[in-house]
C-alpha atoms as a PDB file:
ATOM      1  CA  MET A   1      -8.702 -21.444  15.174  1.00  0.00           C
ATOM      2  CA  SER A   2     -11.159 -22.360  12.456  1.00  0.00           C
ATOM      3  CA  GLY A   3     -13.541 -25.259  13.384  1.00  0.00           C
ATOM      4  CA  LEU A   4     -13.745 -26.437   9.663  1.00  0.00           C
ATOM      5  CA  SER A   5     -12.181 -29.723   8.607  1.00  0.00           C
ATOM      6  CA  THR A   6      -8.942 -29.864   6.938  1.00  0.00           C
ATOM      7  CA  LYS A   7     -10.594 -30.981   3.605  1.00  0.00           C
ATOM      8  CA  THR A   8     -12.879 -28.388   3.656  1.00  0.00           C
ATOM      9  CA  ARG A   9     -10.578 -25.679   4.400  1.00  0.00           C
ATOM     10  CA  LEU A  10      -8.166 -26.794   1.550  1.00  0.00           C
ATOM     11  CA  GLY A  11     -11.098 -26.830  -0.714  1.00  0.00           C
ATOM     12  CA  ARG A  12     -12.197 -23.292  -0.028  1.00  0.00           C
ATOM     13  CA  PHE A  13      -8.189 -22.495  -0.283  1.00  0.00           C
ATOM     14  CA  LEU A  14      -8.301 -24.099  -4.048  1.00  0.00           C
ATOM     15  CA  ALA A  15     -11.611 -22.357  -4.789  1.00  0.00           C
ATOM     16  CA  SER A  16     -10.581 -18.949  -3.488  1.00  0.00           C
ATOM     17  CA  SER A  17      -7.669 -19.051  -5.796  1.00  0.00           C
ATOM     18  CA  VAL A  18      -9.387 -19.964  -9.046  1.00  0.00           C
ATOM     19  CA  LEU A  19     -12.329 -17.362  -7.989  1.00  0.00           C
ATOM     20  CA  VAL A  20      -9.562 -14.378  -7.271  1.00  0.00           C
ATOM     21  CA  ALA A  21      -7.964 -14.907 -10.679  1.00  0.00           C
ATOM     22  CA  ILE A  22     -11.416 -14.865 -12.306  1.00  0.00           C
ATOM     23  CA  GLY A  23     -12.657 -11.803 -10.222  1.00  0.00           C
ATOM     24  CA  VAL A  24      -9.566  -9.746 -10.847  1.00  0.00           C
ATOM     25  CA  ALA A  25      -9.675 -10.621 -14.701  1.00  0.00           C
ATOM     26  CA  LEU A  26     -13.325  -9.212 -14.817  1.00  0.00           C
ATOM     27  CA  VAL A  27     -12.490  -6.150 -12.988  1.00  0.00           C
ATOM     28  CA  ILE A  28      -9.502  -5.493 -15.278  1.00  0.00           C
ATOM     29  CA  ARG A  29     -11.092  -6.374 -18.511  1.00  0.00           C
ATOM     30  CA  ALA A  30     -14.101  -3.893 -17.446  1.00  0.00           C
ATOM     31  CA  GLU A  31     -11.785  -1.029 -17.481  1.00  0.00           C
ATOM     32  CA  VAL A  32     -13.881   1.044 -15.329  1.00  0.00           C
ATOM     33  CA  GLY A  33     -11.289   1.294 -12.636  1.00  0.00           C
ATOM     34  CA  VAL A  34      -8.857  -1.326 -10.926  1.00  0.00           C
ATOM     35  CA  ALA A  35      -9.276  -2.726  -7.222  1.00  0.00           C
ATOM     36  CA  PRO A  36      -7.921  -0.434  -4.561  1.00  0.00           C
ATOM     37  CA  TYR A  37      -4.817  -2.656  -3.863  1.00  0.00           C
ATOM     38  CA  ASP A  38      -4.101  -2.365  -7.487  1.00  0.00           C
ATOM     39  CA  VAL A  39      -3.947   1.349  -7.475  1.00  0.00           C
ATOM     40  CA  LEU A  40      -1.017   1.107  -4.798  1.00  0.00           C
ATOM     41  CA  THR A  41       0.914  -1.856  -6.887  1.00  0.00           C
ATOM     42  CA  THR A  42       0.714   0.480 -10.101  1.00  0.00           C
ATOM     43  CA  GLY A  43       1.654   3.780  -8.358  1.00  0.00           C
ATOM     44  CA  LEU A  44       4.736   1.923  -7.006  1.00  0.00           C
ATOM     45  CA  ALA A  45       5.571   0.707 -10.297  1.00  0.00           C
ATOM     46  CA  GLU A  46       5.396   3.851 -11.894  1.00  0.00           C
ATOM     47  CA  ALA A  47       7.262   5.726  -9.108  1.00  0.00           C
ATOM     48  CA  LEU A  48      10.113   3.417  -9.115  1.00  0.00           C
ATOM     49  CA  GLY A  49      10.205   2.255 -12.781  1.00  0.00           C
ATOM     50  CA  ILE A  50       9.954  -1.265 -11.989  1.00  0.00           C
ATOM     51  CA  ARG A  51       7.733  -4.123 -13.304  1.00  0.00           C
ATOM     52  CA  ILE A  52       4.180  -4.810 -11.812  1.00  0.00           C
ATOM     53  CA  SER A  53       5.155  -8.277 -10.665  1.00  0.00           C
ATOM     54  CA  VAL A  54       8.050  -6.778  -8.553  1.00  0.00           C
ATOM     55  CA  SER A  55       5.952  -4.125  -7.495  1.00  0.00           C
ATOM     56  CA  PHE A  56       3.183  -6.374  -6.531  1.00  0.00           C
ATOM     57  CA  LEU A  57       5.744  -8.613  -4.527  1.00  0.00           C
ATOM     58  CA  VAL A  58       7.029  -5.584  -2.579  1.00  0.00           C
ATOM     59  CA  THR A  59       3.539  -4.167  -1.676  1.00  0.00           C
ATOM     60  CA  ALA A  60       2.497  -7.539  -0.581  1.00  0.00           C
ATOM     61  CA  ALA A  61       5.340  -7.939   1.888  1.00  0.00           C
ATOM     62  CA  THR A  62       5.068  -4.560   3.276  1.00  0.00           C
ATOM     63  CA  VAL A  63       1.162  -4.950   3.554  1.00  0.00           C
ATOM     64  CA  TYR A  64       1.619  -8.298   5.225  1.00  0.00           C
ATOM     65  CA  ALA A  65       4.153  -6.970   7.694  1.00  0.00           C
ATOM     66  CA  ILE A  66       1.799  -3.969   8.728  1.00  0.00           C
ATOM     67  CA  GLY A  67      -1.026  -6.307   9.130  1.00  0.00           C
ATOM     68  CA  MET A  68       0.747  -8.820  11.411  1.00  0.00           C
ATOM     69  CA  ALA A  69       1.925  -6.090  13.323  1.00  0.00           C
ATOM     70  CA  LEU A  70      -1.478  -4.972  14.082  1.00  0.00           C
ATOM     71  CA  GLY A  71      -2.738  -8.456  14.967  1.00  0.00           C
ATOM     72  CA  GLY A  72      -3.685 -10.003  11.671  1.00  0.00           C
ATOM     73  CA  ARG A  73      -2.791 -13.578  10.931  1.00  0.00           C
ATOM     74  CA  ALA A  74      -0.801 -14.998   7.757  1.00  0.00           C
ATOM     75  CA  GLY A  75       0.067 -18.357   6.956  1.00  0.00           C
ATOM     76  CA  TRP A  76       1.270 -20.594   4.381  1.00  0.00           C
ATOM     77  CA  ALA A  77      -1.708 -20.299   1.969  1.00  0.00           C
ATOM     78  CA  SER A  78      -0.643 -16.398   1.935  1.00  0.00           C
ATOM     79  CA  VAL A  79       2.466 -17.244   0.613  1.00  0.00           C
ATOM     80  CA  VAL A  80       1.445 -19.904  -1.773  1.00  0.00           C
ATOM     81  CA  GLY A  81      -1.480 -17.698  -2.803  1.00  0.00           C
ATOM     82  CA  THR A  82       0.910 -14.645  -3.581  1.00  0.00           C
ATOM     83  CA  PHE A  83       2.535 -16.830  -6.146  1.00  0.00           C
ATOM     84  CA  ALA A  84      -0.040 -19.152  -7.365  1.00  0.00           C
ATOM     85  CA  ILE A  85      -2.374 -16.277  -8.326  1.00  0.00           C
ATOM     86  CA  THR A  86       0.076 -14.647 -11.083  1.00  0.00           C
ATOM     87  CA  PRO A  87      -0.358 -17.790 -13.554  1.00  0.00           C
ATOM     88  CA  LEU A  88      -4.048 -18.187 -12.908  1.00  0.00           C
ATOM     89  CA  LEU A  89      -4.624 -14.506 -13.596  1.00  0.00           C
ATOM     90  CA  ASP A  90      -2.558 -14.659 -16.824  1.00  0.00           C
ATOM     91  CA  LEU A  91      -4.697 -17.531 -17.932  1.00  0.00           C
ATOM     92  CA  THR A  92      -8.096 -15.956 -16.976  1.00  0.00           C
ATOM     93  CA  LEU A  93      -6.997 -12.693 -18.534  1.00  0.00           C
ATOM     94  CA  ASP A  94      -6.125 -14.488 -21.829  1.00  0.00           C
ATOM     95  CA  LEU A  95      -9.807 -15.890 -21.727  1.00  0.00           C
ATOM     96  CA  THR A  96     -11.758 -12.955 -20.737  1.00  0.00           C
ATOM     97  CA  PRO A  97     -12.798 -10.630 -23.449  1.00  0.00           C
ATOM     98  CA  SER A  98     -12.631  -7.004 -23.304  1.00  0.00           C
ATOM     99  CA  PRO A  99     -15.777  -5.438 -24.617  1.00  0.00           C
ATOM    100  CA  ASP A 100     -16.285  -2.014 -26.133  1.00  0.00           C
ATOM    101  CA  ALA A 101     -19.711  -1.051 -24.513  1.00  0.00           C
ATOM    102  CA  LEU A 102     -20.168   0.237 -21.477  1.00  0.00           C
ATOM    103  CA  ALA A 103     -23.277  -1.703 -21.329  1.00  0.00           C
ATOM    104  CA  ALA A 104     -21.234  -4.836 -21.186  1.00  0.00           C
ATOM    105  CA  ARG A 105     -18.248  -3.830 -19.029  1.00  0.00           C
ATOM    106  CA  ILE A 106     -20.523  -2.557 -16.169  1.00  0.00           C
ATOM    107  CA  PRO A 107     -21.926  -6.131 -15.508  1.00  0.00           C
ATOM    108  CA  MET A 108     -18.356  -7.560 -16.043  1.00  0.00           C
ATOM    109  CA  PHE A 109     -17.202  -5.163 -13.060  1.00  0.00           C
ATOM    110  CA  VAL A 110     -20.319  -6.101 -10.734  1.00  0.00           C
ATOM    111  CA  ALA A 111     -19.418  -9.938 -11.613  1.00  0.00           C
ATOM    112  CA  GLY A 112     -15.840  -9.428 -10.684  1.00  0.00           C
ATOM    113  CA  VAL A 113     -16.497  -7.467  -7.531  1.00  0.00           C
ATOM    114  CA  LEU A 114     -18.933 -10.238  -6.163  1.00  0.00           C
ATOM    115  CA  ILE A 115     -16.920 -13.309  -7.231  1.00  0.00           C
ATOM    116  CA  LEU A 116     -13.965 -11.583  -5.163  1.00  0.00           C
ATOM    117  CA  VAL A 117     -16.208 -11.104  -2.293  1.00  0.00           C
ATOM    118  CA  VAL A 118     -16.844 -14.878  -2.395  1.00  0.00           C
ATOM    119  CA  ALA A 119     -13.366 -15.469  -2.849  1.00  0.00           C
ATOM    120  CA  VAL A 120     -11.865 -13.399  -0.156  1.00  0.00           C
ATOM    121  CA  SER A 121     -14.862 -14.670   2.373  1.00  0.00           C
ATOM    122  CA  LEU A 122     -13.682 -18.278   1.691  1.00  0.00           C
ATOM    123  CA  ILE A 123     -10.012 -17.770   2.135  1.00  0.00           C
ATOM    124  CA  VAL A 124     -10.216 -15.797   5.216  1.00  0.00           C
ATOM    125  CA  SER A 125     -12.518 -18.220   6.829  1.00  0.00           C
ATOM    126  CA  THR A 126     -10.022 -21.091   6.501  1.00  0.00           C
ATOM    127  CA  GLU A 127      -7.431 -19.289   8.492  1.00  0.00           C
ATOM    128  CA  LEU A 128      -5.083 -20.648   6.509  1.00  0.00           C
ATOM    129  CA  GLY A 129      -3.472 -17.349   5.320  1.00  0.00           C
ATOM    130  CA  PRO A 130      -5.094 -14.683   3.085  1.00  0.00           C
ATOM    131  CA  GLY A 131      -3.743 -11.953   0.845  1.00  0.00           C
ATOM    132  CA  PRO A 132      -2.225  -8.787   2.167  1.00  0.00           C
ATOM    133  CA  SER A 133      -4.991  -6.517   2.001  1.00  0.00           C
ATOM    134  CA  GLU A 134      -6.971  -9.101   4.140  1.00  0.00           C
ATOM    135  CA  VAL A 135      -4.007  -9.624   6.676  1.00  0.00           C
ATOM    136  CA  PHE A 136      -3.979  -5.945   7.065  1.00  0.00           C
ATOM    137  CA  MET A 137      -8.009  -5.627   7.507  1.00  0.00           C
ATOM    138  CA  LEU A 138      -7.775  -8.624  10.059  1.00  0.00           C
ATOM    139  CA  GLY A 139      -5.138  -6.787  12.066  1.00  0.00           C
ATOM    140  CA  ILE A 140      -7.577  -3.850  12.279  1.00  0.00           C
ATOM    141  CA  ILE A 141     -10.609  -6.039  13.060  1.00  0.00           C
ATOM    142  CA  ALA A 142      -8.493  -7.859  15.839  1.00  0.00           C
ATOM    143  CA  ARG A 143      -8.370  -4.383  17.519  1.00  0.00           C
ATOM    144  CA  GLY A 144     -12.206  -4.465  17.774  1.00  0.00           C
ATOM    145  CA  VAL A 145     -13.147  -2.454  14.498  1.00  0.00           C
ATOM    146  CA  PRO A 146     -16.067  -3.939  12.382  1.00  0.00           C
ATOM    147  CA  VAL A 147     -15.472  -5.831   9.207  1.00  0.00           C
ATOM    148  CA  ALA A 148     -16.924  -2.974   6.873  1.00  0.00           C
ATOM    149  CA  ALA A 149     -15.022  -0.328   8.547  1.00  0.00           C
ATOM    150  CA  ALA A 150     -11.637  -2.107   8.663  1.00  0.00           C
ATOM    151  CA  ARG A 151     -11.928  -2.706   4.915  1.00  0.00           C
ATOM    152  CA  TRP A 152     -12.629   0.995   4.177  1.00  0.00           C
ATOM    153  CA  VAL A 153      -9.504   1.950   6.149  1.00  0.00           C
ATOM    154  CA  VAL A 154      -7.496  -0.529   4.273  1.00  0.00           C
ATOM    155  CA  ASP A 155      -8.774   0.485   0.939  1.00  0.00           C
ATOM    156  CA  ALA A 156      -8.756   4.192   1.474  1.00  0.00           C
ATOM    157  CA  LEU A 157      -4.963   4.108   2.762  1.00  0.00           C
ATOM    158  CA  VAL A 158      -3.763   1.879  -0.218  1.00  0.00           C
ATOM    159  CA  ILE A 159      -5.682   4.285  -2.758  1.00  0.00           C
ATOM    160  CA  ALA A 160      -4.354   7.409  -1.295  1.00  0.00           C
ATOM    161  CA  VAL A 161      -0.861   5.896  -1.492  1.00  0.00           C
ATOM    162  CA  GLY A 162      -1.074   4.609  -4.546  1.00  0.00           C
ATOM    163  CA  ALA A 163      -2.663   7.739  -6.233  1.00  0.00           C
ATOM    164  CA  ALA A 164       0.137   9.805  -4.803  1.00  0.00           C
ATOM    165  CA  LEU A 165       2.639   7.585  -6.622  1.00  0.00           C
ATOM    166  CA  GLY A 166       0.694   7.882  -9.725  1.00  0.00           C
ATOM    167  CA  GLY A 167      -1.321   4.574  -9.568  1.00  0.00           C
ATOM    168  CA  ASP A 168      -4.224   3.917 -11.840  1.00  0.00           C
ATOM    169  CA  LEU A 169      -7.683   5.188 -10.692  1.00  0.00           C
ATOM    170  CA  GLY A 170     -11.181   5.092 -11.937  1.00  0.00           C
ATOM    171  CA  VAL A 171     -14.990   5.420 -10.770  1.00  0.00           C
ATOM    172  CA  GLY A 172     -14.779   1.590 -10.432  1.00  0.00           C
ATOM    173  CA  THR A 173     -12.094   1.929  -8.019  1.00  0.00           C
ATOM    174  CA  ILE A 174     -14.144   4.210  -5.415  1.00  0.00           C
ATOM    175  CA  VAL A 175     -17.242   1.848  -6.046  1.00  0.00           C
ATOM    176  CA  PHE A 176     -15.221  -0.980  -5.224  1.00  0.00           C
ATOM    177  CA  ALA A 177     -13.930   0.678  -2.118  1.00  0.00           C
ATOM    178  CA  PHE A 178     -17.371   1.757  -0.647  1.00  0.00           C
ATOM    179  CA  ALA A 179     -19.071  -1.618  -1.600  1.00  0.00           C
ATOM    180  CA  PHE A 180     -16.508  -4.493  -0.815  1.00  0.00           C
ATOM    181  CA  GLY A 181     -16.535  -4.065   2.883  1.00  0.00           C
ATOM    182  CA  PRO A 182     -20.158  -4.083   3.593  1.00  0.00           C
ATOM    183  CA  LEU A 183     -20.412  -6.879   0.984  1.00  0.00           C
ATOM    184  CA  LEU A 184     -17.628  -8.904   2.736  1.00  0.00           C
ATOM    185  CA  ALA A 185     -19.427  -8.595   6.056  1.00  0.00           C
ATOM    186  CA  VAL A 186     -22.335 -10.258   4.630  1.00  0.00           C
ATOM    187  CA  GLY A 187     -20.050 -12.898   3.164  1.00  0.00           C
ATOM    188  CA  PHE A 188     -18.623 -13.643   6.678  1.00  0.00           C
ATOM    189  CA  ARG A 189     -21.946 -13.843   7.921  1.00  0.00           C
ATOM    190  CA  VAL A 190     -23.115 -16.254   5.268  1.00  0.00           C
ATOM    191  CA  LEU A 191     -20.479 -18.671   6.263  1.00  0.00           C
ATOM    192  CA  ARG A 192     -20.690 -18.163   9.773  1.00  0.00           C
ATOM    193  CA  TYR A 193     -17.371 -16.884  10.587  1.00  0.00           C
ATOM    194  CA  GLN A 194     -16.121 -14.390  12.966  1.00  0.00           C
ATOM    195  CA  PRO A 195     -12.590 -12.856  12.591  1.00  0.00           C
ATOM    196  CA  PRO A 196     -10.687 -13.228  15.856  1.00  0.00           C
ATOM    197  CA  LEU A 197     -10.077 -10.559  18.228  1.00  0.00           C
ATOM    198  CA  LEU A 198      -6.796  -9.929  20.174  1.00  0.00           C
ATOM    199  CA  VAL A 199      -6.713 -11.194  23.645  1.00  0.00           C
ATOM    200  CA  ARG A 200      -5.642  -8.961  26.118  1.00  0.00           C
ATOM    201  CA  GLU A 201      -4.161 -10.296  29.158  1.00  0.00           C
ATOM    202  CA  THR A 202      -5.582  -8.897  32.552  1.00  0.00           C
ATOM    203  CA  VAL A 203      -3.527  -8.363  35.345  1.00  0.00           C
ATOM    204  CA  VAL A 204      -4.959  -9.373  38.807  1.00  0.00           C
ATOM    205  CA  ALA A 205      -3.923  -7.685  41.972  1.00  0.00           C
ATOM    206  CA  PRO A 206      -2.728 -10.094  44.519  1.00  0.00           C
END
C-alpha cells in the first residue's frame, strides 16, 4: 500500500487526470501517430462499426480484466478516471492547435509523451487505481518483470491486435511504444515508487 498521505494521493490523482488530457491532446494534434492503446481503440471501432467512445469502454473493461487476472490492482480512481478523462480531453482538444509544419508537430508529440509519463507515474504511485494499460502493466510487473519490459509487452500486444483490426498506426506510435516504458521506469524512480509484486505463499512441511 502507498505510504503517501490521503491529501497527496488525491492531489496526484487530480493532477494526473488533467495531465493525461493535455498529453493525449498534444499527441493527437501532432498527427505523427496515436498512442498504442488508441490503435486498439480505433481498430475495434473500425472492425465493429461502433463509436470510439463505446470502443474505449469495451477495450478498457477487457484490458482491466486481463490486468487484474494477472495481479494488477484497479481501484475507484480507475472507474472515475475512465469517465472523467473524456470531457477533459474534449476541452483540451478544442484548445490545442494542429500545426501544419512537421517542425512544430514533432515537439508537440515529444511534449505529449513526456506529460503522459508524468501523469501515469503520478496516478500509479497513488495506488488508487490507474488506467487499463497500467493495470495490465502492473499485472505483468507483479510477476517479477521489470517496468520497461512490462510496458513493452502491453504496448506491443495492443498495437498488434489494434493494427490487425484496422486501427490507426503511425511512426509516432512505434516511437511511443519503445520510449514510454523506459521513461516510466525513470518516473517511478524519481517518485521513489516500487510497484508491488505478487506474494506467493510458501508451504512449510510439518
